[in-house]
C-alpha atoms as a PDB file:
ATOM      1  CA  MET A   1       0.046  -0.053   0.005  1.00  0.00           C
ATOM      2  CA  LEU A   2       2.944   2.502   0.824  1.00  0.00           C
ATOM      3  CA  GLU A   3       4.451   1.854  -2.619  1.00  0.00           C
ATOM      4  CA  GLU A   4       1.741   3.296  -4.376  1.00  0.00           C
ATOM      5  CA  PRO A   5       0.894   7.147  -4.286  1.00  0.00           C
ATOM      6  CA  ARG A   6      -1.480   8.091  -1.473  1.00  0.00           C
ATOM      7  CA  ARG A   7      -4.929   8.576  -2.773  1.00  0.00           C
ATOM      8  CA  LEU A   8      -6.909  11.529  -1.419  1.00  0.00           C
ATOM      9  CA  PRO A   9     -10.388  11.426  -0.575  1.00  0.00           C
ATOM     10  CA  PRO A  10     -12.614  13.434  -3.118  1.00  0.00           C
ATOM     11  CA  THR A  11     -13.232  17.040  -2.175  1.00  0.00           C
ATOM     12  CA  ASP A  12     -16.739  17.100  -3.342  1.00  0.00           C
ATOM     13  CA  LEU A  13     -18.226  14.514  -1.147  1.00  0.00           C
ATOM     14  CA  PRO A  14     -21.907  14.179  -1.630  1.00  0.00           C
ATOM     15  CA  LEU A  15     -24.210  15.317   1.412  1.00  0.00           C
ATOM     16  CA  GLU A  16     -26.422  12.370   0.759  1.00  0.00           C
ATOM     17  CA  PRO A  17     -24.565   9.651  -0.968  1.00  0.00           C
ATOM     18  CA  PRO A  18     -26.621   7.392  -3.280  1.00  0.00           C
ATOM     19  CA  PRO A  19     -28.014   4.285  -1.543  1.00  0.00           C
ATOM     20  CA  PRO A  20     -25.743   1.280  -1.940  1.00  0.00           C
ATOM     21  CA  ALA A  21     -26.096  -1.250  -4.585  1.00  0.00           C
ATOM     22  CA  ASN A  22     -26.933  -5.004  -3.884  1.00  0.00           C
ATOM     23  CA  VAL A  23     -23.762  -5.944  -5.629  1.00  0.00           C
ATOM     24  CA  PHE A  24     -20.430  -4.175  -5.056  1.00  0.00           C
ATOM     25  CA  THR A  25     -17.369  -4.551  -7.242  1.00  0.00           C
ATOM     26  CA  PRO A  26     -14.498  -6.185  -5.436  1.00  0.00           C
ATOM     27  CA  GLY A  27     -12.323  -3.124  -5.791  1.00  0.00           C
ATOM     28  CA  GLN A  28     -14.906  -0.524  -5.053  1.00  0.00           C
ATOM     29  CA  ILE A  29     -14.156   2.235  -2.482  1.00  0.00           C
ATOM     30  CA  ILE A  30     -16.808   2.104   0.196  1.00  0.00           C
ATOM     31  CA  ALA A  31     -15.379   4.484   2.833  1.00  0.00           C
ATOM     32  CA  TRP A  32     -12.691   6.878   3.469  1.00  0.00           C
ATOM     33  CA  VAL A  33     -11.003   7.461   6.821  1.00  0.00           C
ATOM     34  CA  GLY A  34      -8.826  10.642   6.666  1.00  0.00           C
ATOM     35  CA  ASP A  35      -6.973   9.960   3.206  1.00  0.00           C
ATOM     36  CA  GLU A  36      -7.117   6.211   3.616  1.00  0.00           C
ATOM     37  CA  PRO A  37      -9.645   4.314   1.385  1.00  0.00           C
ATOM     38  CA  ILE A  38     -11.551   1.099   2.520  1.00  0.00           C
ATOM     39  CA  GLN A  39     -12.447  -1.151  -0.344  1.00  0.00           C
ATOM     40  CA  VAL A  40     -15.027  -3.952  -0.414  1.00  0.00           C
ATOM     41  CA  GLY A  41     -12.195  -6.361  -0.104  1.00  0.00           C
ATOM     42  CA  ASP A  42     -11.094  -4.882   3.110  1.00  0.00           C
ATOM     43  CA  VAL A  43     -14.055  -5.957   5.037  1.00  0.00           C
ATOM     44  CA  MET A  44     -13.949  -9.540   3.794  1.00  0.00           C
ATOM     45  CA  PRO A  45     -11.510 -11.519   6.350  1.00  0.00           C
ATOM     46  CA  MET A  46     -10.183 -14.987   5.736  1.00  0.00           C
ATOM     47  CA  VAL A  47     -13.640 -16.707   6.555  1.00  0.00           C
ATOM     48  CA  GLU A  48     -16.536 -14.479   7.457  1.00  0.00           C
ATOM     49  CA  ARG A  49     -17.430 -10.780   6.832  1.00  0.00           C
ATOM     50  CA  GLN A  50     -16.330  -8.145   9.122  1.00  0.00           C
ATOM     51  CA  SER A  51     -18.613  -4.871   9.260  1.00  0.00           C
ATOM     52  CA  LEU A  52     -17.530  -1.813   7.813  1.00  0.00           C
ATOM     53  CA  LYS A  53     -18.012  -0.149  11.211  1.00  0.00           C
ATOM     54  CA  GLY A  54     -15.132  -2.404  12.572  1.00  0.00           C
ATOM     55  CA  ALA A  55     -13.035  -1.784   9.606  1.00  0.00           C
ATOM     56  CA  ILE A  56     -13.334   1.944   9.997  1.00  0.00           C
ATOM     57  CA  GLU A  57     -12.415   1.745  13.876  1.00  0.00           C
ATOM     58  CA  LEU A  58      -9.270  -0.325  12.972  1.00  0.00           C
ATOM     59  CA  LYS A  59      -8.300   2.217  10.155  1.00  0.00           C
ATOM     60  CA  LEU A  60      -8.863   5.086  12.718  1.00  0.00           C
ATOM     61  CA  LEU A  61      -6.470   3.407  15.221  1.00  0.00           C
ATOM     62  CA  TYR A  62      -3.945   2.653  12.545  1.00  0.00           C
ATOM     63  CA  LEU A  63      -3.846   6.330  11.372  1.00  0.00           C
ATOM     64  CA  ASP A  64      -3.590   7.304  15.044  1.00  0.00           C
ATOM     65  CA  PHE A  65      -0.498   5.004  15.382  1.00  0.00           C
ATOM     66  CA  VAL A  66       0.908   6.607  12.115  1.00  0.00           C
ATOM     67  CA  ARG A  67       0.466  10.311  13.453  1.00  0.00           C
ATOM     68  CA  GLY A  68       2.099   9.302  16.569  1.00  0.00           C
ATOM     69  CA  ILE A  69       5.452   8.911  14.477  1.00  0.00           C
ATOM     70  CA  PRO A  70       7.197  12.192  14.103  1.00  0.00           C
ATOM     71  CA  ALA A  71       6.523  13.193  10.221  1.00  0.00           C
ATOM     72  CA  ASP A  72      10.306  13.456   9.676  1.00  0.00           C
ATOM     73  CA  LYS A  73      10.835   9.906  11.040  1.00  0.00           C
ATOM     74  CA  ARG A  74       7.823   8.078   9.368  1.00  0.00           C
ATOM     75  CA  THR A  75       9.677   7.224   6.181  1.00  0.00           C
ATOM     76  CA  GLU A  76      12.574   5.686   7.941  1.00  0.00           C
ATOM     77  CA  PHE A  77      10.720   3.904  10.706  1.00  0.00           C
ATOM     78  CA  LEU A  78       7.158   2.891   9.549  1.00  0.00           C
ATOM     79  CA  PRO A  79       8.568   0.343   6.827  1.00  0.00           C
ATOM     80  CA  LYS A  80      10.645  -1.348   9.563  1.00  0.00           C
ATOM     81  CA  ILE A  81       7.684  -1.480  11.890  1.00  0.00           C
ATOM     82  CA  LYS A  82       5.588  -2.891   9.346  1.00  0.00           C
ATOM     83  CA  ALA A  83       8.094  -5.497   8.305  1.00  0.00           C
ATOM     84  CA  LYS A  84       7.929  -7.062  11.732  1.00  0.00           C
ATOM     85  CA  ALA A  85       4.257  -6.992  11.791  1.00  0.00           C
ATOM     86  CA  GLU A  86       4.281  -8.968   8.400  1.00  0.00           C
ATOM     87  CA  GLU A  87       6.557 -11.474   9.817  1.00  0.00           C
ATOM     88  CA  GLN A  88       3.960 -12.301  12.468  1.00  0.00           C
ATOM     89  CA  PHE A  89       1.265 -12.416   9.630  1.00  0.00           C
ATOM     90  CA  TYR A  90       3.282 -15.262   7.940  1.00  0.00           C
ATOM     91  CA  GLN A  91       4.121 -17.100  10.931  1.00  0.00           C
ATOM     92  CA  LYS A  92       0.840 -17.209  12.606  1.00  0.00           C
ATOM     93  CA  GLN A  93      -2.097 -15.935  10.579  1.00  0.00           C
ATOM     94  CA  VAL A  94      -1.284 -17.587   7.186  1.00  0.00           C
ATOM     95  CA  PRO A  95      -0.796 -21.203   8.528  1.00  0.00           C
ATOM     96  CA  GLN A  96      -4.233 -20.836  10.362  1.00  0.00           C
ATOM     97  CA  ALA A  97      -5.923 -19.572   7.130  1.00  0.00           C
ATOM     98  CA  LEU A  98      -4.465 -22.467   5.281  1.00  0.00           C
ATOM     99  CA  GLU A  99      -6.036 -24.859   7.586  1.00  0.00           C
ATOM    100  CA  LYS A 100      -9.548 -22.925   7.526  1.00  0.00           C
ATOM    101  CA  ALA A 101      -9.708 -22.603   3.851  1.00  0.00           C
ATOM    102  CA  LYS A 102      -8.542 -26.384   3.371  1.00  0.00           C
ATOM    103  CA  VAL A 103      -5.822 -25.304   0.933  1.00  0.00           C
ATOM    104  CA  GLY A 104      -2.173 -26.648   0.860  1.00  0.00           C
ATOM    105  CA  SER A 105      -0.425 -23.497  -0.492  1.00  0.00           C
ATOM    106  CA  ILE A 106      -0.169 -19.704  -0.369  1.00  0.00           C
ATOM    107  CA  PRO A 107      -1.221 -19.560  -4.056  1.00  0.00           C
ATOM    108  CA  GLU A 108      -4.356 -21.578  -3.425  1.00  0.00           C
ATOM    109  CA  LEU A 109      -5.280 -19.404  -0.445  1.00  0.00           C
ATOM    110  CA  ASP A 110      -4.808 -16.240  -2.399  1.00  0.00           C
ATOM    111  CA  ALA A 111      -6.917 -17.506  -5.136  1.00  0.00           C
ATOM    112  CA  GLN A 112      -9.756 -18.320  -2.807  1.00  0.00           C
ATOM    113  CA  LEU A 113      -9.641 -15.011  -1.210  1.00  0.00           C
ATOM    114  CA  ARG A 114      -9.775 -13.547  -4.712  1.00  0.00           C
ATOM    115  CA  GLN A 115     -13.196 -15.174  -5.230  1.00  0.00           C
ATOM    116  CA  PHE A 116     -14.488 -13.079  -2.354  1.00  0.00           C
ATOM    117  CA  GLY A 117     -12.977  -9.929  -3.516  1.00  0.00           C
ATOM    118  CA  SER A 118     -10.098 -10.036  -1.187  1.00  0.00           C
ATOM    119  CA  SER A 119      -6.382 -11.084  -1.637  1.00  0.00           C
ATOM    120  CA  LEU A 120      -3.378 -12.257   0.588  1.00  0.00           C
ATOM    121  CA  ALA A 121      -1.867  -8.861  -0.025  1.00  0.00           C
ATOM    122  CA  GLN A 122      -5.099  -6.966   1.466  1.00  0.00           C
ATOM    123  CA  GLN A 123      -5.261  -9.699   4.233  1.00  0.00           C
ATOM    124  CA  LYS A 124      -1.531  -8.935   5.228  1.00  0.00           C
ATOM    125  CA  ALA A 125      -1.956  -4.959   4.932  1.00  0.00           C
ATOM    126  CA  ALA A 126      -5.171  -5.301   7.002  1.00  0.00           C
ATOM    127  CA  PHE A 127      -3.380  -7.497   9.769  1.00  0.00           C
ATOM    128  CA  VAL A 128      -0.377  -5.010   9.919  1.00  0.00           C
ATOM    129  CA  GLU A 129      -2.926  -2.036  10.339  1.00  0.00           C
ATOM    130  CA  ARG A 130      -4.663  -3.933  12.898  1.00  0.00           C
ATOM    131  CA  ALA A 131      -1.502  -4.859  14.839  1.00  0.00           C
ATOM    132  CA  LEU A 132      -0.169  -1.363  14.928  1.00  0.00           C
ATOM    133  CA  GLY A 133      -3.442   0.230  15.447  1.00  0.00           C
ATOM    134  CA  GLN A 134      -4.212  -2.039  18.673  1.00  0.00           C
ATOM    135  CA  SER A 135      -0.784  -1.211  19.909  1.00  0.00           C
ATOM    136  CA  VAL A 136      -2.243   2.378  20.249  1.00  0.00           C
ATOM    137  CA  LEU A 137      -4.932   0.986  22.569  1.00  0.00           C
ATOM    138  CA  GLN A 138      -2.218  -0.840  24.692  1.00  0.00           C
ATOM    139  CA  GLN A 139      -0.836   2.702  25.559  1.00  0.00           C
ATOM    140  CA  LYS A 140      -4.224   4.582  25.925  1.00  0.00           C
ATOM    141  CA  ILE A 141      -6.299   2.003  27.682  1.00  0.00           C
ATOM    142  CA  ASN A 142      -6.066   1.009  31.144  1.00  0.00           C
ATOM    143  CA  TYR A 143      -6.517  -2.749  31.104  1.00  0.00           C
ATOM    144  CA  GLU A 144      -6.533  -3.196  34.848  1.00  0.00           C
ATOM    145  CA  PRO A 145      -9.281  -0.795  35.800  1.00  0.00           C
ATOM    146  CA  GLU A 146     -10.415  -0.686  39.462  1.00  0.00           C
ATOM    147  CA  VAL A 147     -13.622  -2.485  40.232  1.00  0.00           C
ATOM    148  CA  THR A 148     -14.992  -1.422  43.762  1.00  0.00           C
ATOM    149  CA  HIS A 149     -16.679  -3.661  46.183  1.00  0.00           C
ATOM    150  CA  GLN A 150     -19.831  -1.438  45.960  1.00  0.00           C
ATOM    151  CA  GLU A 151     -19.965  -1.630  42.078  1.00  0.00           C
ATOM    152  CA  MET A 152     -19.833  -5.438  42.342  1.00  0.00           C
ATOM    153  CA  LEU A 153     -22.673  -5.289  44.905  1.00  0.00           C
ATOM    154  CA  THR A 154     -24.743  -3.170  42.853  1.00  0.00           C
ATOM    155  CA  TYR A 155     -24.304  -5.275  39.603  1.00  0.00           C
ATOM    156  CA  TYR A 156     -25.324  -8.138  41.838  1.00  0.00           C
ATOM    157  CA  HIS A 157     -28.519  -6.660  43.043  1.00  0.00           C
ATOM    158  CA  GLU A 158     -29.468  -5.355  39.615  1.00  0.00           C
ATOM    159  CA  HIS A 159     -28.919  -8.603  37.948  1.00  0.00           C
ATOM    160  CA  GLN A 160     -30.214 -11.157  40.325  1.00  0.00           C
ATOM    161  CA  ARG A 161     -31.789 -13.315  37.705  1.00  0.00           C
ATOM    162  CA  GLU A 162     -28.144 -13.970  36.365  1.00  0.00           C
ATOM    163  CA  PHE A 163     -27.243 -15.658  39.686  1.00  0.00           C
ATOM    164  CA  GLU A 164     -30.306 -17.981  39.860  1.00  0.00           C
ATOM    165  CA  ARG A 165     -29.321 -21.469  39.351  1.00  0.00           C
ATOM    166  CA  GLN A 166     -31.323 -24.773  38.895  1.00  0.00           C
ATOM    167  CA  ALA A 167     -30.455 -28.019  40.823  1.00  0.00           C
ATOM    168  CA  GLN A 168     -27.491 -29.869  39.750  1.00  0.00           C
ATOM    169  CA  ALA A 169     -25.911 -33.148  40.293  1.00  0.00           C
ATOM    170  CA  ARG A 170     -22.909 -35.033  39.815  1.00  0.00           C
ATOM    171  CA  TRP A 171     -23.730 -38.957  39.573  1.00  0.00           C
ATOM    172  CA  GLU A 172     -22.772 -42.072  38.249  1.00  0.00           C
ATOM    173  CA  LYS A 173     -24.630 -45.193  36.468  1.00  0.00           C
ATOM    174  CA  LEU A 174     -24.687 -48.711  35.819  1.00  0.00           C
ATOM    175  CA  THR A 175     -26.577 -49.894  32.528  1.00  0.00           C
ATOM    176  CA  VAL A 176     -27.621 -53.140  31.197  1.00  0.00           C
ATOM    177  CA  ARG A 177     -29.379 -52.633  27.694  1.00  0.00           C
ATOM    178  CA  SER A 178     -32.461 -54.662  26.806  1.00  0.00           C
ATOM    179  CA  ASP A 179     -31.604 -54.836  23.191  1.00  0.00           C
ATOM    180  CA  ARG A 180     -28.487 -56.821  24.091  1.00  0.00           C
ATOM    181  CA  LEU A 181     -30.108 -59.818  25.990  1.00  0.00           C
ATOM    182  CA  PRO A 182     -32.804 -62.186  24.930  1.00  0.00           C
ATOM    183  CA  ASN A 183     -35.351 -60.650  27.116  1.00  0.00           C
ATOM    184  CA  LYS A 184     -36.026 -58.174  29.929  1.00  0.00           C
ATOM    185  CA  ALA A 185     -35.915 -60.828  32.569  1.00  0.00           C
ATOM    186  CA  GLU A 186     -32.271 -61.621  31.767  1.00  0.00           C
ATOM    187  CA  ALA A 187     -31.272 -57.851  31.434  1.00  0.00           C
ATOM    188  CA  TRP A 188     -33.006 -57.267  34.853  1.00  0.00           C
ATOM    189  CA  ALA A 189     -30.963 -60.063  36.457  1.00  0.00           C
ATOM    190  CA  ALA A 190     -27.733 -59.150  34.818  1.00  0.00           C
ATOM    191  CA  LEU A 191     -27.917 -55.510  36.293  1.00  0.00           C
ATOM    192  CA  GLY A 192     -28.764 -57.156  39.754  1.00  0.00           C
ATOM    193  CA  ASN A 193     -25.575 -59.031  39.516  1.00  0.00           C
ATOM    194  CA  ILE A 194     -23.247 -56.140  38.650  1.00  0.00           C
ATOM    195  CA  GLY A 195     -25.193 -53.938  41.297  1.00  0.00           C
ATOM    196  CA  ASN A 196     -24.407 -56.342  43.942  1.00  0.00           C
ATOM    197  CA  GLU A 197     -20.789 -56.151  43.145  1.00  0.00           C
ATOM    198  CA  VAL A 198     -20.981 -52.517  44.186  1.00  0.00           C
ATOM    199  CA  LEU A 199     -22.824 -53.403  47.249  1.00  0.00           C
ATOM    200  CA  ARG A 200     -20.102 -55.752  48.328  1.00  0.00           C
ATOM    201  CA  GLY A 201     -17.664 -52.905  47.996  1.00  0.00           C
ATOM    202  CA  ALA A 202     -16.463 -52.930  44.569  1.00  0.00           C
ATOM    203  CA  PRO A 203     -15.893 -49.397  43.065  1.00  0.00           C
ATOM    204  CA  LEU A 204     -18.671 -48.425  40.999  1.00  0.00           C
ATOM    205  CA  ASN A 205     -16.544 -46.893  38.150  1.00  0.00           C
ATOM    206  CA  ALA A 206     -14.531 -50.095  37.983  1.00  0.00           C
ATOM    207  CA  VAL A 207     -17.572 -52.240  37.631  1.00  0.00           C
ATOM    208  CA  ALA A 208     -19.060 -49.760  35.184  1.00  0.00           C
ATOM    209  CA  LYS A 209     -15.906 -49.936  32.917  1.00  0.00           C
ATOM    210  CA  ARG A 210     -15.894 -53.619  33.056  1.00  0.00           C
ATOM    211  CA  SER A 211     -19.532 -54.574  32.993  1.00  0.00           C
ATOM    212  CA  SER A 212     -21.817 -51.642  32.145  1.00  0.00           C
ATOM    213  CA  GLN A 213     -23.528 -51.336  28.403  1.00  0.00           C
ATOM    214  CA  GLY A 214     -24.063 -47.522  28.661  1.00  0.00           C
ATOM    215  CA  VAL A 215     -22.305 -45.190  26.384  1.00  0.00           C
ATOM    216  CA  ASP A 216     -20.823 -43.886  29.433  1.00  0.00           C
ATOM    217  CA  ALA A 217     -19.092 -47.222  30.554  1.00  0.00           C
ATOM    218  CA  ALA A 218     -15.634 -46.044  29.340  1.00  0.00           C
ATOM    219  CA  ASP A 219     -15.918 -43.096  31.811  1.00  0.00           C
ATOM    220  CA  GLY A 220     -16.798 -45.488  34.604  1.00  0.00           C
ATOM    221  CA  GLY A 221     -20.494 -44.460  34.200  1.00  0.00           C
ATOM    222  CA  TYR A 222     -19.492 -40.883  35.681  1.00  0.00           C
ATOM    223  CA  HIS A 223     -21.506 -37.805  34.898  1.00  0.00           C
ATOM    224  CA  ASP A 224     -20.446 -34.289  35.726  1.00  0.00           C
ATOM    225  CA  TRP A 225     -22.797 -31.668  36.923  1.00  0.00           C
ATOM    226  CA  THR A 226     -26.145 -32.191  35.382  1.00  0.00           C
ATOM    227  CA  THR A 227     -28.726 -29.534  35.523  1.00  0.00           C
ATOM    228  CA  GLN A 228     -32.311 -30.859  36.666  1.00  0.00           C
ATOM    229  CA  GLY A 229     -34.491 -31.318  33.604  1.00  0.00           C
ATOM    230  CA  ALA A 230     -31.681 -31.608  31.122  1.00  0.00           C
ATOM    231  CA  LEU A 231     -31.683 -35.349  30.733  1.00  0.00           C
ATOM    232  CA  ALA A 232     -33.827 -37.198  27.861  1.00  0.00           C
ATOM    233  CA  SER A 233     -34.581 -39.944  30.506  1.00  0.00           C
ATOM    234  CA  ASP A 234     -37.389 -38.760  32.872  1.00  0.00           C
ATOM    235  CA  VAL A 235     -36.666 -41.749  34.869  1.00  0.00           C
ATOM    236  CA  LEU A 236     -33.040 -40.989  35.562  1.00  0.00           C
ATOM    237  CA  ASP A 237     -33.787 -37.406  35.971  1.00  0.00           C
ATOM    238  CA  GLN A 238     -36.173 -38.035  38.884  1.00  0.00           C
ATOM    239  CA  ALA A 239     -34.083 -40.439  40.492  1.00  0.00           C
ATOM    240  CA  ILE A 240     -30.829 -38.441  40.651  1.00  0.00           C
ATOM    241  CA  PHE A 241     -32.707 -35.263  41.964  1.00  0.00           C
ATOM    242  CA  SER A 242     -34.629 -37.421  44.636  1.00  0.00           C
ATOM    243  CA  LEU A 243     -32.243 -40.054  45.920  1.00  0.00           C
ATOM    244  CA  PRO A 244     -30.117 -39.419  48.967  1.00  0.00           C
ATOM    245  CA  VAL A 245     -26.686 -38.665  48.128  1.00  0.00           C
ATOM    246  CA  GLY A 246     -24.271 -41.818  48.131  1.00  0.00           C
ATOM    247  CA  GLN A 247     -27.161 -44.337  48.098  1.00  0.00           C
ATOM    248  CA  LEU A 248     -27.620 -46.915  45.056  1.00  0.00           C
ATOM    249  CA  SER A 249     -30.863 -46.521  43.558  1.00  0.00           C
ATOM    250  CA  GLU A 250     -33.138 -49.636  42.866  1.00  0.00           C
ATOM    251  CA  ARG A 251     -33.174 -51.054  39.242  1.00  0.00           C
ATOM    252  CA  LEU A 252     -34.737 -48.166  37.020  1.00  0.00           C
ATOM    253  CA  GLU A 253     -36.218 -49.109  33.527  1.00  0.00           C
ATOM    254  CA  ASP A 254     -36.307 -46.486  30.490  1.00  0.00           C
ATOM    255  CA  LYS A 255     -36.321 -46.903  26.651  1.00  0.00           C
ATOM    256  CA  GLU A 256     -32.562 -47.730  26.873  1.00  0.00           C
ATOM    257  CA  GLY A 257     -32.794 -50.541  29.320  1.00  0.00           C
ATOM    258  CA  PHE A 258     -32.266 -50.879  33.089  1.00  0.00           C
ATOM    259  CA  HIS A 259     -30.062 -48.698  35.194  1.00  0.00           C
ATOM    260  CA  ILE A 260     -28.731 -48.277  38.632  1.00  0.00           C
ATOM    261  CA  VAL A 261     -27.523 -44.778  39.632  1.00  0.00           C
ATOM    262  CA  ARG A 262     -25.849 -43.183  42.654  1.00  0.00           C
ATOM    263  CA  VAL A 263     -25.607 -39.463  43.252  1.00  0.00           C
ATOM    264  CA  ILE A 264     -22.262 -38.184  44.352  1.00  0.00           C
ATOM    265  CA  GLU A 265     -22.957 -34.724  44.946  1.00  0.00           C
ATOM    266  CA  ARG A 266     -25.900 -32.203  44.554  1.00  0.00           C
ATOM    267  CA  ARG A 267     -26.729 -28.562  44.479  1.00  0.00           C
ATOM    268  CA  ASP A 268     -30.181 -27.438  45.510  1.00  0.00           C
ATOM    269  CA  ALA A 269     -31.832 -24.812  43.392  1.00  0.00           C
ATOM    270  CA  GLY A 270     -31.400 -21.209  44.545  1.00  0.00           C
ATOM    271  CA  ARG A 271     -29.546 -18.071  43.977  1.00  0.00           C
ATOM    272  CA  ILE A 272     -25.545 -18.098  43.897  1.00  0.00           C
ATOM    273  CA  PRO A 273     -24.359 -16.015  46.970  1.00  0.00           C
ATOM    274  CA  PHE A 274     -22.635 -12.821  46.410  1.00  0.00           C
ATOM    275  CA  VAL A 275     -19.398 -13.981  47.831  1.00  0.00           C
ATOM    276  CA  ASP A 276     -19.363 -17.003  45.377  1.00  0.00           C
ATOM    277  CA  ALA A 277     -20.226 -14.598  42.341  1.00  0.00           C
ATOM    278  CA  GLN A 278     -17.746 -11.854  43.121  1.00  0.00           C
ATOM    279  CA  VAL A 279     -15.013 -13.185  40.772  1.00  0.00           C
ATOM    280  CA  GLU A 280     -17.530 -13.432  37.757  1.00  0.00           C
ATOM    281  CA  ILE A 281     -18.815 -10.015  38.445  1.00  0.00           C
ATOM    282  CA  LYS A 282     -15.370  -8.306  38.742  1.00  0.00           C
ATOM    283  CA  GLU A 283     -14.454  -9.811  35.432  1.00  0.00           C
ATOM    284  CA  LYS A 284     -17.651  -8.726  33.606  1.00  0.00           C
ATOM    285  CA  LEU A 285     -17.462  -5.126  35.023  1.00  0.00           C
ATOM    286  CA  LYS A 286     -13.606  -5.081  34.060  1.00  0.00           C
ATOM    287  CA  LYS A 287     -14.502  -6.089  30.601  1.00  0.00           C
ATOM    288  CA  GLU A 288     -17.219  -3.564  30.425  1.00  0.00           C
ATOM    289  CA  LYS A 289     -14.755  -0.659  31.564  1.00  0.00           C
ATOM    290  CA  ILE A 290     -12.226  -1.619  29.089  1.00  0.00           C
ATOM    291  CA  ARG A 291     -14.925  -1.675  26.395  1.00  0.00           C
ATOM    292  CA  LYS A 292     -16.175   1.669  27.231  1.00  0.00           C
ATOM    293  CA  GLN A 293     -12.547   3.165  27.308  1.00  0.00           C
ATOM    294  CA  THR A 294     -12.083   1.954  23.821  1.00  0.00           C
ATOM    295  CA  GLU A 295     -15.466   2.958  22.499  1.00  0.00           C
ATOM    296  CA  ASP A 296     -14.842   6.439  23.983  1.00  0.00           C
ATOM    297  CA  TYR A 297     -11.275   6.673  22.459  1.00  0.00           C
ATOM    298  CA  VAL A 298     -12.645   5.745  19.031  1.00  0.00           C
ATOM    299  CA  VAL A 299     -15.466   8.317  19.209  1.00  0.00           C
ATOM    300  CA  ARG A 300     -12.651  10.973  19.814  1.00  0.00           C
ATOM    301  CA  LEU A 301     -10.722   9.659  16.869  1.00  0.00           C
ATOM    302  CA  ARG A 302     -13.915   9.788  14.780  1.00  0.00           C
ATOM    303  CA  LYS A 303     -14.269  13.457  15.679  1.00  0.00           C
ATOM    304  CA  GLU A 304     -10.647  14.210  14.739  1.00  0.00           C
ATOM    305  CA  ILE A 305     -10.298  12.254  11.463  1.00  0.00           C
ATOM    306  CA  ARG A 306     -12.800  12.715   8.787  1.00  0.00           C
ATOM    307  CA  VAL A 307     -14.787   9.535   7.924  1.00  0.00           C
ATOM    308  CA  TRP A 308     -17.069   9.170   4.858  1.00  0.00           C
ATOM    309  CA  THR A 309     -18.874   5.955   3.634  1.00  0.00           C
ATOM    310  CA  ILE A 310     -20.864   4.913   0.895  1.00  0.00           C
ATOM    311  CA  PHE A 311     -23.806   4.548   3.285  1.00  0.00           C
ATOM    312  CA  GLY A 312     -23.585   8.274   4.419  1.00  0.00           C
ATOM    313  CA  ASP A 313     -22.359   9.280   7.935  1.00  0.00           C
ATOM    314  CA  ASP A 314     -23.434   6.015   9.684  1.00  0.00           C
ATOM    315  CA  PRO A 315     -20.203   3.990   9.807  1.00  0.00           C
ATOM    316  CA  ALA A 316     -22.047   1.120  11.626  1.00  0.00           C
ATOM    317  CA  ALA A 317     -24.041   0.157   8.537  1.00  0.00           C
ATOM    318  CA  GLU A 318     -22.969  -3.321   7.536  1.00  0.00           C
ATOM    319  CA  VAL A 319     -21.529  -3.957   3.916  1.00  0.00           C
ATOM    320  CA  LYS A 320     -23.840  -6.521   2.422  1.00  0.00           C
ATOM    321  CA  THR A 321     -21.734  -7.733  -0.609  1.00  0.00           C
ATOM    322  CA  ALA A 322     -23.200 -10.201  -3.195  1.00  0.00           C
ATOM    323  CA  THR A 323     -20.008 -10.987  -5.019  1.00  0.00           C
ATOM    324  CA  ARG A 324     -20.322 -13.852  -7.410  1.00  0.00           C
ATOM    325  CA  PRO A 325     -17.772 -16.745  -7.291  1.00  0.00           C
ATOM    326  CA  ASP A 326     -16.447 -15.804 -10.706  1.00  0.00           C
ATOM    327  CA  GLU A 327     -15.644 -12.313  -9.612  1.00  0.00           C
ATOM    328  CA  ARG A 328     -11.859 -11.593  -9.210  1.00  0.00           C
ATOM    329  CA  ALA A 329     -10.277  -8.751  -7.059  1.00  0.00           C
ATOM    330  CA  SER A 330      -7.869  -6.313  -8.708  1.00  0.00           C
ATOM    331  CA  PRO A 331      -5.081  -6.116  -6.346  1.00  0.00           C
ATOM    332  CA  ARG A 332      -4.268  -2.703  -5.105  1.00  0.00           C
ATOM    333  CA  ARG A 333      -0.994  -3.444  -3.235  1.00  0.00           C
END
């Protein structure tokens, strides 16, 4: 991008740009941020589309990075900085993109990107700009904002529904499937025999691995925290939320066959206490404060750097492209 002459935005921008067409050409300019254009291909990442709003925000941050370098030093330092970011692109991003695209070479990847109005060169330039723009945020944003006890307590009281929990249980099971024995009577007897092993002191998980016929046999019949009502078997659901903890059930029958279950631990339905929810609340509030700082900073840049889009002055509008598979992008870098 730097090798070409810098293209300036049009000076006679229409007050009300015409409504966007349903189909954009791959190289069509759909926004200007300062004197930097954004083309259709710039908002088409490796796999899914990125909104124009996000592309504008990244471009604003990149331009903020560039203007942070003294004007008389940019020619010397900017290419060196970009070269380091490009190394990261080829070391980390390209291998991931090759895997996602299910192709074995960079030319194949580039050809696939061009079908969607992009190119590897555009993706590399976008990666570099994103990396440099995000480095600005590292300096401008406090990523360890203070979250006070009162803020956490207020959040807890205002969002109590988030902390309501249903009953849950950890449990284990022995199974004999009805379809693996000649009749139900034999299945019933077979389950009684392996259940008696547990009653005589054998570990249930060992018995399950050796003799159970359920899909959970390899795991020793173990089931991690299960929410009440989540099981397909109403019989098992009712048992694990009514049995005393640690007690083997009687033989239970459902569509799969016969089962014996034992509850290891159970949590009753109720509200998570504030003391247990503090860590989660603090993390949520911390992320919210970081997001708010970032949004405020981008809004400030938006006021300092002129932005124009084909959709008008609303950079939040998403690009709805309908490029055909046979269209190819014209490389601009």
